[in-house]
Every structure is written in C-alpha cells, then in structure tokens.
Amino acid sequence: MVRMNARMTALGPPSIGGHGDIELDPRLAAILADGFLELGDCVVLAHEEGSVEAARIESYPDATGFEAFINHLHLDDELELPATDPLVLEQAGRYVTELAELLESEYPDERFAVIIAVGDSCVVRFHKHRSGESWIADGLEGYGTEAVMVVHVPA
C-alpha cells in the first residue's frame, strides 16, 4: 500500500515497484549492499553503524523514533544533486523499491513503513510497524511544504 499527500502527487511521485529502465546509483546500491543490523527489536542500515554507536536508543521516545532517525538518508547529498533535480526523485523510487525488496526478503514476518519526504532535501527513511508507535502522522496533508509518500512493506 502506498499513501501520499497532494504535494507529492503534484510533484510527480517516484515510481515504486517494478524494475523499469533506471539503475540504482552505485552509491545508493552500496548502502543497501551493506545490509542490516539488528539491535534488540530494531532493524537499522548497517551502513549507519557509526550513527548507531553515537546514538542511544534510550534518548528517543520509542524504538520507532530511533529507527526512523538512524535509517534516514538524504539522497540529494548522496547523489550530490539539488533535491529538486528529477534524477533525485527517480533514484528515490528505485532506492525505495530495492530497500522494500530487501526488507521483505530479510524480515518476511515484519511490516515496515518506508517514507519519502521532499522539501529542502529528499529524505528516505524506514521503521518497523509497532503497535502504539508511529513516526509519521496519519494526516499526510499536515506536512506543510513537504511532499510525503509512505510505502508499506509488505504492501
């Protein structure tokens, strides 16, 4: 299932799913190739191991907040392009597709939310679905000037 706000619809949302013609940029592919780390009930990108060492889960309101913080990636910074460059949004779609496939393959019994937010930056983050915890509001229209899309894994 995919949800998005009107700003993302107007922006022309990234294509999620399928393999299309676009290849994932090698810099983003390398992040996914590192795989995941499990920290108790949390799943984090192994690429962010340094951030995990600097952050303490106790510093966050819940495990979902910790995961969403650690698992965020500024695609425009990684690609060294402005957030508004169409290639950034294309790569966001490709990255989310491959991230979702990896999460579903590695954690078939878990559900995740993968979030794309485009404003001053193009950020992709993910976290597990947990009862009573949420990182993103149900009302996506409340995100001001950000275009927001949430992809649920598995759909």
N, C-alpha and C. Protein backbone atom coordinates (compact mmCIF):
# COMPACT_ATOMS: atom_id res chain seq x y z
N MET A 1 0.84 -1.18 0.00
CA MET A 1 0.00 0.00 0.00
C MET A 1 0.89 1.25 0.00
N VAL A 2 0.50 2.21 -0.79
CA VAL A 2 1.23 3.48 -0.89
C VAL A 2 0.24 4.61 -0.59
N ARG A 3 0.67 5.54 0.28
CA ARG A 3 -0.11 6.74 0.56
C ARG A 3 0.77 7.94 0.26
N MET A 4 0.16 9.03 -0.21
CA MET A 4 0.93 10.26 -0.44
C MET A 4 0.04 11.47 -0.26
N ASN A 5 0.68 12.61 0.01
CA ASN A 5 -0.09 13.84 0.12
C ASN A 5 -0.19 14.51 -1.25
N ALA A 6 -0.99 15.56 -1.30
CA ALA A 6 -1.23 16.27 -2.56
C ALA A 6 0.07 16.86 -3.12
N ARG A 7 0.97 17.30 -2.25
CA ARG A 7 2.23 17.87 -2.74
C ARG A 7 3.05 16.82 -3.49
N MET A 8 3.05 15.58 -3.00
CA MET A 8 3.78 14.52 -3.70
C MET A 8 3.10 14.20 -5.02
N THR A 9 1.78 14.19 -5.03
CA THR A 9 1.04 13.94 -6.27
C THR A 9 1.39 15.01 -7.30
N ALA A 10 1.42 16.27 -6.88
CA ALA A 10 1.74 17.38 -7.79
C ALA A 10 3.18 17.32 -8.27
N LEU A 11 4.07 16.84 -7.41
CA LEU A 11 5.48 16.74 -7.76
C LEU A 11 5.71 15.69 -8.84
N GLY A 12 4.82 14.72 -8.90
CA GLY A 12 5.02 13.59 -9.81
C GLY A 12 5.76 12.54 -9.02
N PRO A 13 5.03 11.70 -8.29
CA PRO A 13 5.66 10.78 -7.34
C PRO A 13 6.63 9.82 -8.01
N PRO A 14 7.63 9.38 -7.25
CA PRO A 14 8.58 8.41 -7.80
C PRO A 14 7.89 7.09 -8.08
N SER A 15 8.35 6.40 -9.06
CA SER A 15 7.81 5.09 -9.41
C SER A 15 8.34 4.06 -8.41
N ILE A 16 7.42 3.36 -7.75
CA ILE A 16 7.77 2.36 -6.76
C ILE A 16 7.34 1.00 -7.29
N GLY A 17 8.21 0.01 -7.15
CA GLY A 17 7.90 -1.33 -7.64
C GLY A 17 8.36 -1.48 -9.07
N GLY A 18 8.43 -2.70 -9.51
CA GLY A 18 8.91 -2.95 -10.86
C GLY A 18 10.38 -2.59 -10.98
N HIS A 19 10.94 -2.90 -12.10
CA HIS A 19 12.37 -2.64 -12.24
C HIS A 19 12.70 -1.64 -13.33
N GLY A 20 11.77 -1.29 -14.18
CA GLY A 20 11.95 -0.20 -15.13
C GLY A 20 13.33 -0.14 -15.78
N ASP A 21 13.60 0.99 -16.36
CA ASP A 21 14.85 1.19 -17.09
C ASP A 21 15.96 1.79 -16.23
N ILE A 22 15.61 2.40 -15.12
CA ILE A 22 16.60 3.12 -14.34
C ILE A 22 17.35 2.18 -13.39
N GLU A 23 18.66 2.31 -13.40
CA GLU A 23 19.51 1.54 -12.48
C GLU A 23 19.73 2.36 -11.22
N LEU A 24 19.83 1.67 -10.10
CA LEU A 24 20.14 2.36 -8.85
C LEU A 24 21.57 2.85 -8.89
N ASP A 25 21.77 4.10 -8.52
CA ASP A 25 23.11 4.69 -8.49
C ASP A 25 24.02 3.83 -7.61
N PRO A 26 25.27 3.60 -8.04
CA PRO A 26 26.18 2.74 -7.27
C PRO A 26 26.39 3.19 -5.82
N ARG A 27 26.32 4.51 -5.56
CA ARG A 27 26.49 4.99 -4.19
C ARG A 27 25.34 4.53 -3.30
N LEU A 28 24.13 4.52 -3.86
CA LEU A 28 22.96 4.06 -3.10
C LEU A 28 22.93 2.53 -3.02
N ALA A 29 23.34 1.89 -4.09
CA ALA A 29 23.40 0.42 -4.09
C ALA A 29 24.38 -0.08 -3.03
N ALA A 30 25.48 0.63 -2.84
CA ALA A 30 26.48 0.23 -1.84
C ALA A 30 25.90 0.29 -0.42
N ILE A 31 25.04 1.26 -0.18
CA ILE A 31 24.41 1.39 1.14
C ILE A 31 23.53 0.16 1.41
N LEU A 32 22.75 -0.24 0.42
CA LEU A 32 21.89 -1.40 0.59
C LEU A 32 22.70 -2.70 0.64
N ALA A 33 23.81 -2.75 -0.09
CA ALA A 33 24.64 -3.96 -0.10
C ALA A 33 25.24 -4.25 1.27
N ASP A 34 25.40 -3.22 2.10
CA ASP A 34 25.91 -3.43 3.45
C ASP A 34 24.95 -4.21 4.32
N GLY A 35 23.65 -4.21 3.95
CA GLY A 35 22.66 -4.97 4.69
C GLY A 35 22.16 -4.25 5.92
N PHE A 36 21.71 -5.05 6.90
CA PHE A 36 21.07 -4.52 8.10
C PHE A 36 21.76 -5.04 9.35
N LEU A 37 21.56 -4.30 10.42
CA LEU A 37 21.97 -4.73 11.76
C LEU A 37 20.70 -4.85 12.59
N GLU A 38 20.69 -5.79 13.51
CA GLU A 38 19.58 -5.90 14.44
C GLU A 38 20.07 -5.49 15.82
N LEU A 39 19.37 -4.55 16.40
CA LEU A 39 19.68 -4.07 17.75
C LEU A 39 18.44 -4.29 18.59
N GLY A 40 18.39 -5.39 19.28
CA GLY A 40 17.18 -5.75 20.01
C GLY A 40 16.05 -5.92 19.02
N ASP A 41 15.00 -5.14 19.18
CA ASP A 41 13.84 -5.19 18.28
C ASP A 41 13.99 -4.25 17.09
N CYS A 42 15.10 -3.55 16.98
CA CYS A 42 15.28 -2.56 15.91
C CYS A 42 16.07 -3.12 14.74
N VAL A 43 15.69 -2.68 13.54
CA VAL A 43 16.42 -3.01 12.31
C VAL A 43 16.97 -1.71 11.77
N VAL A 44 18.29 -1.67 11.58
CA VAL A 44 18.93 -0.45 11.06
C VAL A 44 19.85 -0.79 9.90
N LEU A 45 20.09 0.18 9.06
CA LEU A 45 21.04 0.01 7.96
C LEU A 45 22.44 -0.18 8.54
N ALA A 46 23.11 -1.23 8.13
CA ALA A 46 24.48 -1.47 8.60
C ALA A 46 25.39 -0.31 8.20
N HIS A 47 25.08 0.34 7.11
CA HIS A 47 25.85 1.49 6.64
C HIS A 47 25.88 2.61 7.69
N GLU A 48 24.88 2.64 8.55
CA GLU A 48 24.76 3.69 9.57
C GLU A 48 25.32 3.25 10.92
N GLU A 49 26.17 2.25 10.91
CA GLU A 49 26.73 1.73 12.16
C GLU A 49 27.38 2.82 13.01
N GLY A 50 28.06 3.75 12.39
CA GLY A 50 28.68 4.86 13.12
C GLY A 50 27.65 5.72 13.84
N SER A 51 26.50 5.96 13.19
CA SER A 51 25.43 6.73 13.82
C SER A 51 24.83 5.97 14.99
N VAL A 52 24.74 4.66 14.85
CA VAL A 52 24.19 3.83 15.92
C VAL A 52 25.08 3.92 17.16
N GLU A 53 26.39 3.91 16.94
CA GLU A 53 27.33 3.99 18.07
C GLU A 53 27.22 5.33 18.78
N ALA A 54 26.89 6.40 18.03
CA ALA A 54 26.79 7.73 18.63
C ALA A 54 25.43 7.98 19.28
N ALA A 55 24.41 7.24 18.85
CA ALA A 55 23.05 7.45 19.36
C ALA A 55 22.70 6.37 20.37
N ARG A 56 21.95 6.74 21.36
CA ARG A 56 21.47 5.76 22.33
C ARG A 56 19.97 5.64 22.19
N ILE A 57 19.49 4.43 22.08
CA ILE A 57 18.06 4.21 21.89
C ILE A 57 17.24 4.83 23.01
N GLU A 58 17.82 4.89 24.21
CA GLU A 58 17.12 5.47 25.35
C GLU A 58 16.88 6.97 25.17
N SER A 59 17.59 7.60 24.25
CA SER A 59 17.45 9.04 24.00
C SER A 59 16.22 9.36 23.15
N TYR A 60 15.55 8.34 22.64
CA TYR A 60 14.41 8.53 21.74
C TYR A 60 13.12 8.13 22.45
N PRO A 61 12.00 8.70 22.03
CA PRO A 61 10.75 8.39 22.72
C PRO A 61 10.34 6.92 22.62
N ASP A 62 10.77 6.26 21.53
CA ASP A 62 10.44 4.85 21.35
C ASP A 62 11.36 4.25 20.29
N ALA A 63 11.24 2.93 20.09
CA ALA A 63 12.08 2.23 19.11
C ALA A 63 11.82 2.72 17.69
N THR A 64 10.57 3.08 17.40
CA THR A 64 10.22 3.57 16.07
C THR A 64 10.95 4.88 15.77
N GLY A 65 10.99 5.79 16.73
CA GLY A 65 11.71 7.05 16.56
C GLY A 65 13.20 6.83 16.35
N PHE A 66 13.77 5.87 17.09
CA PHE A 66 15.19 5.55 16.94
C PHE A 66 15.46 5.03 15.53
N GLU A 67 14.66 4.07 15.07
CA GLU A 67 14.86 3.52 13.73
C GLU A 67 14.69 4.60 12.66
N ALA A 68 13.66 5.41 12.78
CA ALA A 68 13.41 6.45 11.77
C ALA A 68 14.56 7.45 11.71
N PHE A 69 15.17 7.74 12.86
CA PHE A 69 16.30 8.65 12.87
C PHE A 69 17.54 8.00 12.25
N ILE A 70 17.88 6.82 12.70
CA ILE A 70 19.09 6.14 12.21
C ILE A 70 18.96 5.81 10.72
N ASN A 71 17.78 5.38 10.31
CA ASN A 71 17.58 4.90 8.94
C ASN A 71 17.18 6.00 7.97
N HIS A 72 17.61 7.22 8.20
CA HIS A 72 17.28 8.27 7.24
C HIS A 72 18.50 8.58 6.37
N LEU A 73 18.20 8.82 5.10
CA LEU A 73 19.24 9.06 4.11
C LEU A 73 18.83 10.25 3.25
N HIS A 74 19.72 11.24 3.16
CA HIS A 74 19.48 12.40 2.29
C HIS A 74 20.00 12.05 0.90
N LEU A 75 19.10 11.67 0.02
CA LEU A 75 19.50 11.22 -1.31
C LEU A 75 20.19 12.31 -2.11
N ASP A 76 19.73 13.56 -1.98
CA ASP A 76 20.36 14.66 -2.71
C ASP A 76 21.82 14.82 -2.30
N ASP A 77 22.11 14.63 -1.01
CA ASP A 77 23.50 14.71 -0.56
C ASP A 77 24.32 13.55 -1.10
N GLU A 78 23.76 12.36 -1.03
CA GLU A 78 24.47 11.16 -1.52
C GLU A 78 24.77 11.28 -3.01
N LEU A 79 23.81 11.83 -3.76
CA LEU A 79 23.96 11.94 -5.21
C LEU A 79 24.63 13.24 -5.64
N GLU A 80 24.85 14.14 -4.67
CA GLU A 80 25.48 15.45 -4.93
C GLU A 80 24.71 16.23 -5.99
N LEU A 81 23.37 16.25 -5.82
CA LEU A 81 22.48 16.96 -6.73
C LEU A 81 21.48 17.75 -5.89
N PRO A 82 20.88 18.79 -6.45
CA PRO A 82 19.82 19.50 -5.73
C PRO A 82 18.62 18.58 -5.51
N ALA A 83 17.93 18.77 -4.42
CA ALA A 83 16.76 17.93 -4.10
C ALA A 83 15.71 18.01 -5.20
N THR A 84 15.66 19.11 -5.93
CA THR A 84 14.65 19.31 -6.97
C THR A 84 15.03 18.67 -8.31
N ASP A 85 16.24 18.15 -8.42
CA ASP A 85 16.66 17.50 -9.67
C ASP A 85 15.79 16.27 -9.91
N PRO A 86 15.17 16.12 -11.08
CA PRO A 86 14.31 14.96 -11.34
C PRO A 86 15.02 13.62 -11.13
N LEU A 87 16.33 13.58 -11.33
CA LEU A 87 17.08 12.34 -11.13
C LEU A 87 17.03 11.89 -9.66
N VAL A 88 16.99 12.85 -8.74
CA VAL A 88 16.93 12.51 -7.31
C VAL A 88 15.64 11.76 -7.01
N LEU A 89 14.52 12.25 -7.54
CA LEU A 89 13.24 11.58 -7.30
C LEU A 89 13.20 10.21 -7.99
N GLU A 90 13.76 10.10 -9.18
CA GLU A 90 13.84 8.81 -9.86
C GLU A 90 14.65 7.82 -9.03
N GLN A 91 15.78 8.29 -8.50
CA GLN A 91 16.62 7.43 -7.67
C GLN A 91 15.92 7.08 -6.35
N ALA A 92 15.13 8.00 -5.82
CA ALA A 92 14.37 7.72 -4.60
C ALA A 92 13.42 6.55 -4.84
N GLY A 93 12.73 6.56 -5.96
CA GLY A 93 11.84 5.46 -6.30
C GLY A 93 12.56 4.14 -6.43
N ARG A 94 13.69 4.17 -7.10
CA ARG A 94 14.49 2.95 -7.30
C ARG A 94 15.03 2.44 -5.96
N TYR A 95 15.55 3.37 -5.13
CA TYR A 95 16.10 3.02 -3.81
C TYR A 95 15.01 2.41 -2.93
N VAL A 96 13.84 3.04 -2.89
CA VAL A 96 12.74 2.54 -2.07
C VAL A 96 12.30 1.16 -2.56
N THR A 97 12.23 0.97 -3.86
CA THR A 97 11.85 -0.34 -4.41
C THR A 97 12.83 -1.42 -3.95
N GLU A 98 14.12 -1.14 -4.07
CA GLU A 98 15.12 -2.15 -3.69
C GLU A 98 15.20 -2.33 -2.17
N LEU A 99 15.04 -1.25 -1.42
CA LEU A 99 15.00 -1.34 0.04
C LEU A 99 13.82 -2.20 0.48
N ALA A 100 12.65 -1.96 -0.10
CA ALA A 100 11.45 -2.73 0.25
C ALA A 100 11.65 -4.21 -0.06
N GLU A 101 12.26 -4.51 -1.20
CA GLU A 101 12.51 -5.92 -1.55
C GLU A 101 13.45 -6.57 -0.54
N LEU A 102 14.49 -5.85 -0.14
CA LEU A 102 15.43 -6.40 0.85
C LEU A 102 14.76 -6.62 2.20
N LEU A 103 13.99 -5.64 2.65
CA LEU A 103 13.31 -5.78 3.93
C LEU A 103 12.35 -6.96 3.92
N GLU A 104 11.60 -7.09 2.84
CA GLU A 104 10.64 -8.19 2.75
C GLU A 104 11.35 -9.54 2.69
N SER A 105 12.49 -9.58 2.03
CA SER A 105 13.26 -10.82 1.93
C SER A 105 13.91 -11.21 3.26
N GLU A 106 14.51 -10.22 3.93
CA GLU A 106 15.23 -10.48 5.17
C GLU A 106 14.31 -10.63 6.38
N TYR A 107 13.17 -9.95 6.36
CA TYR A 107 12.25 -9.94 7.51
C TYR A 107 10.82 -10.22 7.04
N PRO A 108 10.58 -11.43 6.53
CA PRO A 108 9.27 -11.74 5.94
C PRO A 108 8.10 -11.67 6.93
N ASP A 109 8.37 -11.76 8.20
CA ASP A 109 7.30 -11.73 9.20
C ASP A 109 7.09 -10.34 9.82
N GLU A 110 7.80 -9.35 9.33
CA GLU A 110 7.69 -7.98 9.85
C GLU A 110 7.03 -7.06 8.83
N ARG A 111 6.46 -5.97 9.32
CA ARG A 111 5.92 -4.92 8.46
C ARG A 111 6.73 -3.65 8.69
N PHE A 112 6.98 -2.91 7.63
CA PHE A 112 7.77 -1.69 7.70
C PHE A 112 7.04 -0.56 7.00
N ALA A 113 7.38 0.66 7.39
CA ALA A 113 6.96 1.86 6.67
C ALA A 113 8.23 2.48 6.09
N VAL A 114 8.22 2.72 4.79
CA VAL A 114 9.32 3.42 4.11
C VAL A 114 8.76 4.76 3.68
N ILE A 115 9.43 5.83 4.09
CA ILE A 115 8.91 7.18 3.92
C ILE A 115 9.84 8.00 3.04
N ILE A 116 9.26 8.66 2.04
CA ILE A 116 10.00 9.63 1.21
C ILE A 116 9.43 11.00 1.54
N ALA A 117 10.28 11.94 1.89
CA ALA A 117 9.86 13.33 2.13
C ALA A 117 10.75 14.24 1.29
N VAL A 118 10.12 15.10 0.52
CA VAL A 118 10.86 16.02 -0.34
C VAL A 118 10.48 17.44 0.04
N GLY A 119 11.48 18.19 0.47
CA GLY A 119 11.33 19.60 0.80
C GLY A 119 12.64 20.26 0.42
N ASP A 120 13.36 20.77 1.41
CA ASP A 120 14.70 21.32 1.15
C ASP A 120 15.67 20.20 0.79
N SER A 121 15.34 18.98 1.16
CA SER A 121 16.15 17.80 0.89
C SER A 121 15.22 16.68 0.48
N CYS A 122 15.75 15.63 -0.09
CA CYS A 122 14.97 14.43 -0.42
C CYS A 122 15.44 13.34 0.53
N VAL A 123 14.60 13.01 1.50
CA VAL A 123 14.97 12.08 2.56
C VAL A 123 14.13 10.81 2.45
N VAL A 124 14.82 9.68 2.55
CA VAL A 124 14.14 8.38 2.64
C VAL A 124 14.52 7.79 3.98
N ARG A 125 13.53 7.27 4.70
CA ARG A 125 13.77 6.62 5.99
C ARG A 125 12.80 5.46 6.12
N PHE A 126 13.10 4.56 7.06
CA PHE A 126 12.17 3.47 7.31
C PHE A 126 12.19 3.07 8.77
N HIS A 127 11.10 2.40 9.16
CA HIS A 127 10.99 1.84 10.52
C HIS A 127 9.99 0.69 10.49
N LYS A 128 10.05 -0.15 11.51
CA LYS A 128 9.07 -1.23 11.67
C LYS A 128 7.73 -0.64 12.08
N HIS A 129 6.67 -1.35 11.72
CA HIS A 129 5.34 -1.04 12.27
C HIS A 129 5.29 -1.63 13.67
N ARG A 130 4.93 -0.82 14.65
CA ARG A 130 4.78 -1.28 16.03
C ARG A 130 3.46 -0.75 16.58
N SER A 131 2.78 -1.59 17.30
CA SER A 131 1.51 -1.20 17.91
C SER A 131 1.75 -0.04 18.88
N GLY A 132 0.97 1.01 18.73
CA GLY A 132 1.04 2.15 19.63
C GLY A 132 2.17 3.11 19.35
N GLU A 133 2.95 2.87 18.29
CA GLU A 133 4.06 3.78 17.94
C GLU A 133 3.89 4.22 16.49
N SER A 134 4.18 5.47 16.23
CA SER A 134 4.13 5.97 14.86
C SER A 134 5.11 7.11 14.71
N TRP A 135 5.83 7.13 13.62
CA TRP A 135 6.76 8.22 13.37
C TRP A 135 6.10 9.30 12.50
N ILE A 136 5.21 8.87 11.63
CA ILE A 136 4.58 9.81 10.70
C ILE A 136 3.08 9.90 11.01
N ALA A 137 2.54 11.09 10.88
CA ALA A 137 1.13 11.31 11.17
C ALA A 137 0.24 10.64 10.12
N ASP A 138 -0.95 10.26 10.54
CA ASP A 138 -1.91 9.68 9.60
C ASP A 138 -2.31 10.70 8.53
N GLY A 139 -2.45 11.96 8.93
CA GLY A 139 -2.86 13.02 8.00
C GLY A 139 -1.65 13.59 7.29
N LEU A 140 -1.33 13.06 6.13
CA LEU A 140 -0.12 13.49 5.41
C LEU A 140 -0.22 14.92 4.89
N GLU A 141 -1.42 15.46 4.78
CA GLU A 141 -1.56 16.84 4.29
C GLU A 141 -1.03 17.86 5.30
N GLY A 142 -0.82 17.45 6.53
CA GLY A 142 -0.34 18.36 7.57
C GLY A 142 1.15 18.62 7.53
N TYR A 143 1.85 18.13 6.53
CA TYR A 143 3.30 18.29 6.47
C TYR A 143 3.75 19.54 5.74
N GLY A 144 2.97 20.60 5.81
CA GLY A 144 3.40 21.91 5.31
C GLY A 144 3.86 21.87 3.87
N THR A 145 5.11 22.24 3.68
CA THR A 145 5.64 22.36 2.32
C THR A 145 6.31 21.08 1.82
N GLU A 146 6.29 20.01 2.62
CA GLU A 146 6.93 18.77 2.19
C GLU A 146 5.99 17.87 1.40
N ALA A 147 6.54 17.29 0.35
CA ALA A 147 5.85 16.24 -0.38
C ALA A 147 6.19 14.93 0.33
N VAL A 148 5.18 14.14 0.68
CA VAL A 148 5.41 12.95 1.50
C VAL A 148 4.71 11.74 0.88
N MET A 149 5.44 10.63 0.88
CA MET A 149 4.91 9.35 0.42
C MET A 149 5.30 8.28 1.43
N VAL A 150 4.35 7.39 1.76
CA VAL A 150 4.63 6.28 2.67
C VAL A 150 4.33 4.99 1.92
N VAL A 151 5.32 4.11 1.91
CA VAL A 151 5.19 2.79 1.27
C VAL A 151 5.20 1.76 2.39
N HIS A 152 4.16 0.93 2.46
CA HIS A 152 4.09 -0.10 3.47
C HIS A 152 4.65 -1.40 2.90
N VAL A 153 5.53 -2.05 3.68
CA VAL A 153 6.20 -3.27 3.26
C VAL A 153 5.89 -4.36 4.28
N PRO A 154 5.37 -5.52 3.91
CA PRO A 154 4.83 -5.76 2.58
C PRO A 154 3.56 -4.94 2.36
N ALA A 155 3.24 -4.76 1.11
CA ALA A 155 2.10 -3.91 0.73
C ALA A 155 0.80 -4.45 1.27
